């Protein structure tokens, strides 16, 4: 059974949760990853490809503009939420994009109840927001090795110089 397509940006958490519940009921594995995805690059694609391979339906939690600014500082994001969401939702690996405004996606993870939580290799499992919930619910956390040489911060530094 194929997950319902096309990918879309879902701003209604209740609708996103209902969709994930339907998929779980159909026996599909819901996978969740998250990030700012400010200036999409090969490292992001690598993470999303690996994340999608862990299940049947990939949900990407996407930091809102205010959330990115809190995490990354003034001048970020470079790309507004609408552009970042469109780019991520357009990728074949991604089934649904859900923006979140909180500092971490922990609340969103509790609402969506994914079976697999995926983060990049710069995280330790014990420090991943929502990991405790996923594991206690019978799911698992997967850490994907980073694709060396790719990061938004280093790309911006090359473009603009150190700020």
Foldseek 3Di string as FASTA:
>chain_A
DAQDDDEEEDADLLVLQVSLVVCVVVVWAEEEEEDACQPPDPQVVQQLVVRLVVIRAYEYEHEAQQLQCVVPHPPPPVDHPVVSRVVVSPDPSHRYYYYDHDNACQVSCVSNQGQEYEEEPVDDLVPHRNSVVNVVVVHHYYYHYTDPPDDPVVVVCVVPNDD
